[in-house]
Amino acid sequence: MRKLLLIGVSCLAVASFVGCANVDVTKTAAGYYDKTDPNTVEILKTRPDRRYVELGTVTVTGFDSSDTAKMHNAVRAKASALGATAVILTDEGLVPKGFGQYHRWATGVAIRYHE
C-alpha cells in the first residue's frame, strides 16, 4: 500500500512539471472562408489600419516562457483553419508554474483582411 502511495505521489509530482500547451480558437463570425496557409498568417500586437472582419477568439495557455515562436506558430496553425490572415494578440502574460519557471498565456482575435 505504501509503495502504491509513493508511486501516486511521484506521478503527481511529474505531472506538475509537465505542461500541456493549448490553443483554442472559437469561431464567432457568420459564414465560412477557405483555409489559409499558416505560414502567411500574421501575428499582430495592435489593430491594423486595413479593414478586416473578425473570425473568432483565440486563447493560448501552457507554453513555456521561452517558447514564444512555438506559441505563435501554433496560433497560426489554428487560426488558418478559419481562413484567418492575421491574429491580433490583445493580451498576454506569464503564470508561475513553480521553481522560477513560467507558462505563457495570451488572448486575441483571428481576423481576415477585406480584399
N, C-alpha and C. Protein backbone atom coordinates (compact mmCIF):
# COMPACT_ATOMS: atom_id res chain seq x y z
N MET A 1 0.82 -1.20 0.00
CA MET A 1 0.00 0.00 0.00
C MET A 1 0.87 1.26 0.00
N ARG A 2 1.92 1.22 0.81
CA ARG A 2 2.80 2.37 0.89
C ARG A 2 3.51 2.62 -0.46
N LYS A 3 3.88 1.52 -1.13
CA LYS A 3 4.53 1.63 -2.43
C LYS A 3 3.59 2.26 -3.45
N LEU A 4 2.33 1.89 -3.41
CA LEU A 4 1.32 2.44 -4.32
C LEU A 4 1.14 3.93 -4.07
N LEU A 5 1.13 4.33 -2.82
CA LEU A 5 1.01 5.74 -2.47
C LEU A 5 2.23 6.53 -2.97
N LEU A 6 3.40 5.96 -2.81
CA LEU A 6 4.63 6.60 -3.28
C LEU A 6 4.62 6.78 -4.79
N ILE A 7 4.15 5.78 -5.50
CA ILE A 7 4.05 5.86 -6.96
C ILE A 7 3.05 6.95 -7.36
N GLY A 8 1.92 7.02 -6.67
CA GLY A 8 0.91 8.04 -6.97
C GLY A 8 1.44 9.45 -6.75
N VAL A 9 2.13 9.66 -5.64
CA VAL A 9 2.71 10.97 -5.35
C VAL A 9 3.77 11.33 -6.38
N SER A 10 4.57 10.36 -6.78
CA SER A 10 5.60 10.60 -7.79
C SER A 10 4.97 11.01 -9.12
N CYS A 11 3.90 10.34 -9.50
CA CYS A 11 3.22 10.67 -10.75
C CYS A 11 2.66 12.09 -10.71
N LEU A 12 2.09 12.49 -9.57
CA LEU A 12 1.57 13.84 -9.44
C LEU A 12 2.68 14.87 -9.53
N ALA A 13 3.81 14.58 -8.92
CA ALA A 13 4.95 15.49 -8.97
C ALA A 13 5.44 15.68 -10.40
N VAL A 14 5.55 14.59 -11.14
CA VAL A 14 5.99 14.66 -12.53
C VAL A 14 4.96 15.41 -13.37
N ALA A 15 3.68 15.15 -13.14
CA ALA A 15 2.63 15.81 -13.91
C ALA A 15 2.62 17.31 -13.67
N SER A 16 3.01 17.75 -12.48
CA SER A 16 3.01 19.19 -12.21
C SER A 16 4.13 19.90 -12.97
N PHE A 17 5.18 19.19 -13.35
CA PHE A 17 6.28 19.79 -14.11
C PHE A 17 6.05 19.73 -15.61
N VAL A 18 5.20 18.84 -16.06
CA VAL A 18 4.94 18.69 -17.49
C VAL A 18 3.69 19.48 -17.83
N GLY A 19 3.84 20.53 -18.64
CA GLY A 19 2.70 21.35 -19.00
C GLY A 19 2.13 20.95 -20.34
N CYS A 20 0.88 21.26 -20.50
CA CYS A 20 0.23 20.98 -21.78
C CYS A 20 -0.08 22.30 -22.45
N ALA A 21 0.59 22.57 -23.54
CA ALA A 21 0.32 23.78 -24.31
C ALA A 21 -0.97 23.59 -25.08
N ASN A 22 -1.77 24.66 -25.14
CA ASN A 22 -3.07 24.55 -25.76
C ASN A 22 -3.43 25.86 -26.47
N VAL A 23 -3.99 25.73 -27.67
CA VAL A 23 -4.52 26.87 -28.40
C VAL A 23 -5.97 26.57 -28.73
N ASP A 24 -6.88 27.40 -28.23
CA ASP A 24 -8.31 27.26 -28.53
C ASP A 24 -8.74 28.41 -29.41
N VAL A 25 -9.39 28.08 -30.51
CA VAL A 25 -9.94 29.09 -31.40
C VAL A 25 -11.44 28.83 -31.49
N THR A 26 -12.23 29.85 -31.17
CA THR A 26 -13.69 29.73 -31.20
C THR A 26 -14.23 30.62 -32.31
N LYS A 27 -14.89 30.02 -33.27
CA LYS A 27 -15.45 30.76 -34.41
C LYS A 27 -16.61 31.62 -33.92
N THR A 28 -16.57 32.90 -34.25
CA THR A 28 -17.64 33.82 -33.85
C THR A 28 -18.30 34.50 -35.04
N ALA A 29 -17.71 34.40 -36.21
CA ALA A 29 -18.24 35.08 -37.40
C ALA A 29 -19.23 34.18 -38.14
N ALA A 30 -20.13 34.82 -38.86
CA ALA A 30 -21.04 34.08 -39.73
C ALA A 30 -20.32 33.76 -41.03
N GLY A 31 -20.69 32.66 -41.66
CA GLY A 31 -20.10 32.29 -42.93
C GLY A 31 -18.80 31.52 -42.76
N TYR A 32 -18.26 31.12 -43.91
CA TYR A 32 -17.03 30.33 -43.91
C TYR A 32 -16.05 30.88 -44.94
N TYR A 33 -14.78 30.71 -44.65
CA TYR A 33 -13.71 31.13 -45.55
C TYR A 33 -12.81 29.93 -45.80
N ASP A 34 -12.16 29.96 -46.96
CA ASP A 34 -11.20 28.90 -47.27
C ASP A 34 -10.02 28.99 -46.30
N LYS A 35 -9.47 27.84 -45.99
CA LYS A 35 -8.30 27.77 -45.12
C LYS A 35 -7.15 28.55 -45.76
N THR A 36 -6.37 29.22 -44.92
CA THR A 36 -5.21 29.95 -45.41
C THR A 36 -3.94 29.17 -45.06
N ASP A 37 -2.85 29.55 -45.67
CA ASP A 37 -1.55 28.94 -45.38
C ASP A 37 -1.07 29.47 -44.03
N PRO A 38 -0.83 28.60 -43.05
CA PRO A 38 -0.39 29.05 -41.73
C PRO A 38 0.88 29.91 -41.77
N ASN A 39 1.73 29.68 -42.76
CA ASN A 39 2.97 30.45 -42.87
C ASN A 39 2.74 31.91 -43.25
N THR A 40 1.55 32.22 -43.73
CA THR A 40 1.25 33.60 -44.14
C THR A 40 0.42 34.36 -43.10
N VAL A 41 -0.02 33.69 -42.05
CA VAL A 41 -0.83 34.35 -41.02
C VAL A 41 0.06 35.26 -40.17
N GLU A 42 -0.31 36.53 -40.09
CA GLU A 42 0.47 37.50 -39.33
C GLU A 42 0.09 37.45 -37.85
N ILE A 43 1.06 37.68 -36.98
CA ILE A 43 0.80 37.85 -35.55
C ILE A 43 1.00 39.33 -35.24
N LEU A 44 -0.07 39.98 -34.79
CA LEU A 44 -0.05 41.42 -34.54
C LEU A 44 -0.26 41.71 -33.06
N LYS A 45 0.26 42.84 -32.61
CA LYS A 45 0.06 43.28 -31.22
C LYS A 45 -0.90 44.47 -31.15
N THR A 46 -1.15 45.10 -32.29
CA THR A 46 -2.09 46.23 -32.36
C THR A 46 -3.03 46.02 -33.54
N ARG A 47 -4.14 46.74 -33.51
CA ARG A 47 -5.10 46.64 -34.61
C ARG A 47 -4.50 47.23 -35.87
N PRO A 48 -4.68 46.54 -37.00
CA PRO A 48 -4.12 47.04 -38.26
C PRO A 48 -4.96 48.20 -38.82
N ASP A 49 -4.34 48.98 -39.69
CA ASP A 49 -5.04 50.09 -40.35
C ASP A 49 -5.98 49.58 -41.44
N ARG A 50 -5.70 48.40 -41.96
CA ARG A 50 -6.53 47.81 -43.02
C ARG A 50 -7.88 47.38 -42.47
N ARG A 51 -8.89 47.34 -43.35
CA ARG A 51 -10.22 46.84 -42.96
C ARG A 51 -10.17 45.33 -42.84
N TYR A 52 -10.89 44.79 -41.86
CA TYR A 52 -10.90 43.34 -41.63
C TYR A 52 -12.21 42.92 -40.99
N VAL A 53 -12.44 41.63 -41.02
CA VAL A 53 -13.59 41.03 -40.33
C VAL A 53 -13.03 40.09 -39.26
N GLU A 54 -13.66 40.12 -38.09
CA GLU A 54 -13.25 39.22 -37.01
C GLU A 54 -13.86 37.84 -37.24
N LEU A 55 -13.02 36.81 -37.17
CA LEU A 55 -13.47 35.44 -37.41
C LEU A 55 -13.70 34.65 -36.13
N GLY A 56 -12.93 34.94 -35.09
CA GLY A 56 -13.08 34.18 -33.85
C GLY A 56 -12.11 34.62 -32.78
N THR A 57 -12.31 34.08 -31.59
CA THR A 57 -11.42 34.39 -30.48
C THR A 57 -10.32 33.35 -30.39
N VAL A 58 -9.19 33.76 -29.84
CA VAL A 58 -8.03 32.88 -29.68
C VAL A 58 -7.62 32.92 -28.21
N THR A 59 -7.44 31.74 -27.60
CA THR A 59 -6.96 31.64 -26.23
C THR A 59 -5.79 30.66 -26.22
N VAL A 60 -4.67 31.09 -25.65
CA VAL A 60 -3.45 30.29 -25.62
C VAL A 60 -3.03 30.09 -24.16
N THR A 61 -2.70 28.85 -23.80
CA THR A 61 -2.21 28.58 -22.45
C THR A 61 -1.13 27.51 -22.49
N GLY A 62 -0.26 27.53 -21.48
CA GLY A 62 0.63 26.42 -21.23
C GLY A 62 1.96 26.37 -21.95
N PHE A 63 2.29 27.34 -22.77
CA PHE A 63 3.60 27.33 -23.43
C PHE A 63 4.66 27.82 -22.45
N ASP A 64 5.84 27.25 -22.50
CA ASP A 64 6.94 27.73 -21.66
C ASP A 64 7.25 29.18 -22.02
N SER A 65 7.76 29.91 -21.05
CA SER A 65 8.02 31.33 -21.25
C SER A 65 9.01 31.59 -22.40
N SER A 66 9.87 30.65 -22.68
CA SER A 66 10.87 30.82 -23.75
C SER A 66 10.35 30.34 -25.12
N ASP A 67 9.15 29.82 -25.17
CA ASP A 67 8.61 29.24 -26.41
C ASP A 67 7.67 30.19 -27.16
N THR A 68 8.06 31.44 -27.29
CA THR A 68 7.22 32.42 -27.99
C THR A 68 7.00 32.03 -29.44
N ALA A 69 8.05 31.62 -30.13
CA ALA A 69 7.92 31.24 -31.55
C ALA A 69 7.02 30.02 -31.71
N LYS A 70 7.16 29.03 -30.82
CA LYS A 70 6.28 27.85 -30.89
C LYS A 70 4.83 28.25 -30.67
N MET A 71 4.62 29.16 -29.72
CA MET A 71 3.26 29.63 -29.45
C MET A 71 2.68 30.33 -30.67
N HIS A 72 3.45 31.22 -31.29
CA HIS A 72 2.96 31.94 -32.47
C HIS A 72 2.66 30.98 -33.61
N ASN A 73 3.51 29.98 -33.82
CA ASN A 73 3.26 29.01 -34.88
C ASN A 73 2.02 28.18 -34.62
N ALA A 74 1.77 27.83 -33.36
CA ALA A 74 0.56 27.08 -33.02
C ALA A 74 -0.68 27.94 -33.24
N VAL A 75 -0.60 29.22 -32.91
CA VAL A 75 -1.72 30.14 -33.15
C VAL A 75 -1.97 30.26 -34.64
N ARG A 76 -0.92 30.41 -35.43
CA ARG A 76 -1.06 30.49 -36.89
C ARG A 76 -1.78 29.26 -37.45
N ALA A 77 -1.36 28.08 -36.99
CA ALA A 77 -1.94 26.83 -37.49
C ALA A 77 -3.44 26.75 -37.18
N LYS A 78 -3.82 27.09 -35.97
CA LYS A 78 -5.24 27.01 -35.59
C LYS A 78 -6.07 28.08 -36.29
N ALA A 79 -5.55 29.31 -36.36
CA ALA A 79 -6.31 30.40 -36.97
C ALA A 79 -6.46 30.22 -38.47
N SER A 80 -5.48 29.61 -39.10
CA SER A 80 -5.55 29.41 -40.56
C SER A 80 -6.72 28.51 -40.94
N ALA A 81 -7.12 27.62 -40.05
CA ALA A 81 -8.26 26.74 -40.33
C ALA A 81 -9.56 27.54 -40.48
N LEU A 82 -9.63 28.71 -39.85
CA LEU A 82 -10.81 29.58 -40.00
C LEU A 82 -10.73 30.45 -41.24
N GLY A 83 -9.56 30.48 -41.88
CA GLY A 83 -9.36 31.36 -43.02
C GLY A 83 -8.76 32.70 -42.62
N ALA A 84 -8.15 32.75 -41.45
CA ALA A 84 -7.56 34.00 -40.95
C ALA A 84 -6.32 34.39 -41.74
N THR A 85 -6.15 35.70 -41.90
CA THR A 85 -4.92 36.22 -42.50
C THR A 85 -4.03 36.85 -41.44
N ALA A 86 -4.59 37.04 -40.22
CA ALA A 86 -3.81 37.59 -39.11
C ALA A 86 -4.50 37.26 -37.79
N VAL A 87 -3.72 37.37 -36.71
CA VAL A 87 -4.25 37.24 -35.36
C VAL A 87 -3.75 38.45 -34.58
N ILE A 88 -4.68 39.15 -33.93
CA ILE A 88 -4.31 40.27 -33.08
C ILE A 88 -4.26 39.74 -31.64
N LEU A 89 -3.07 39.71 -31.05
CA LEU A 89 -2.94 39.30 -29.66
C LEU A 89 -3.24 40.52 -28.79
N THR A 90 -4.37 40.50 -28.10
CA THR A 90 -4.83 41.65 -27.34
C THR A 90 -4.29 41.69 -25.92
N ASP A 91 -3.93 40.54 -25.38
CA ASP A 91 -3.41 40.48 -24.02
C ASP A 91 -2.56 39.23 -23.88
N GLU A 92 -1.48 39.32 -23.12
CA GLU A 92 -0.64 38.16 -22.88
C GLU A 92 0.17 38.36 -21.62
N GLY A 93 0.66 37.26 -21.07
CA GLY A 93 1.43 37.35 -19.84
C GLY A 93 2.05 36.02 -19.47
N LEU A 94 2.55 35.97 -18.23
CA LEU A 94 3.21 34.77 -17.71
C LEU A 94 2.55 34.37 -16.40
N VAL A 95 2.43 33.05 -16.19
CA VAL A 95 1.88 32.49 -14.97
C VAL A 95 2.94 31.60 -14.35
N PRO A 96 3.23 31.78 -13.04
CA PRO A 96 4.24 30.93 -12.41
C PRO A 96 3.82 29.46 -12.43
N LYS A 97 4.77 28.59 -12.75
CA LYS A 97 4.48 27.16 -12.70
C LYS A 97 5.35 26.46 -11.66
N GLY A 98 6.12 27.23 -10.92
CA GLY A 98 6.90 26.68 -9.82
C GLY A 98 8.39 26.70 -10.09
N PHE A 99 9.15 26.86 -9.02
CA PHE A 99 10.61 26.82 -9.05
C PHE A 99 11.21 27.77 -10.09
N GLY A 100 10.67 28.99 -10.17
CA GLY A 100 11.23 30.01 -11.05
C GLY A 100 10.89 29.85 -12.52
N GLN A 101 9.98 28.96 -12.85
CA GLN A 101 9.57 28.75 -14.25
C GLN A 101 8.17 29.33 -14.46
N TYR A 102 7.89 29.69 -15.72
CA TYR A 102 6.62 30.33 -16.04
C TYR A 102 6.01 29.73 -17.29
N HIS A 103 4.68 29.77 -17.35
CA HIS A 103 3.93 29.42 -18.55
C HIS A 103 3.42 30.70 -19.18
N ARG A 104 3.42 30.72 -20.48
CA ARG A 104 2.94 31.87 -21.25
C ARG A 104 1.45 31.68 -21.57
N TRP A 105 0.67 32.76 -21.52
CA TRP A 105 -0.73 32.74 -21.93
C TRP A 105 -0.99 33.96 -22.83
N ALA A 106 -2.03 33.87 -23.62
CA ALA A 106 -2.39 35.00 -24.49
C ALA A 106 -3.85 34.86 -24.92
N THR A 107 -4.46 36.00 -25.22
CA THR A 107 -5.80 36.02 -25.80
C THR A 107 -5.76 36.96 -27.00
N GLY A 108 -6.65 36.73 -27.92
CA GLY A 108 -6.68 37.59 -29.09
C GLY A 108 -7.84 37.29 -30.00
N VAL A 109 -7.74 37.82 -31.22
CA VAL A 109 -8.80 37.70 -32.20
C VAL A 109 -8.20 37.29 -33.55
N ALA A 110 -8.79 36.27 -34.16
CA ALA A 110 -8.41 35.88 -35.52
C ALA A 110 -9.19 36.75 -36.49
N ILE A 111 -8.49 37.32 -37.47
CA ILE A 111 -9.13 38.23 -38.43
C ILE A 111 -8.81 37.84 -39.86
N ARG A 112 -9.60 38.39 -40.76
CA ARG A 112 -9.34 38.23 -42.20
C ARG A 112 -9.46 39.61 -42.83
N TYR A 113 -8.42 39.99 -43.57
CA TYR A 113 -8.45 41.30 -44.23
C TYR A 113 -9.49 41.31 -45.35
N HIS A 114 -10.15 42.46 -45.52
CA HIS A 114 -11.04 42.63 -46.66
C HIS A 114 -10.20 42.75 -47.92
N GLU A 115 -10.69 42.19 -48.99
CA GLU A 115 -9.93 42.24 -50.26
C GLU A 115 -10.27 43.46 -51.05
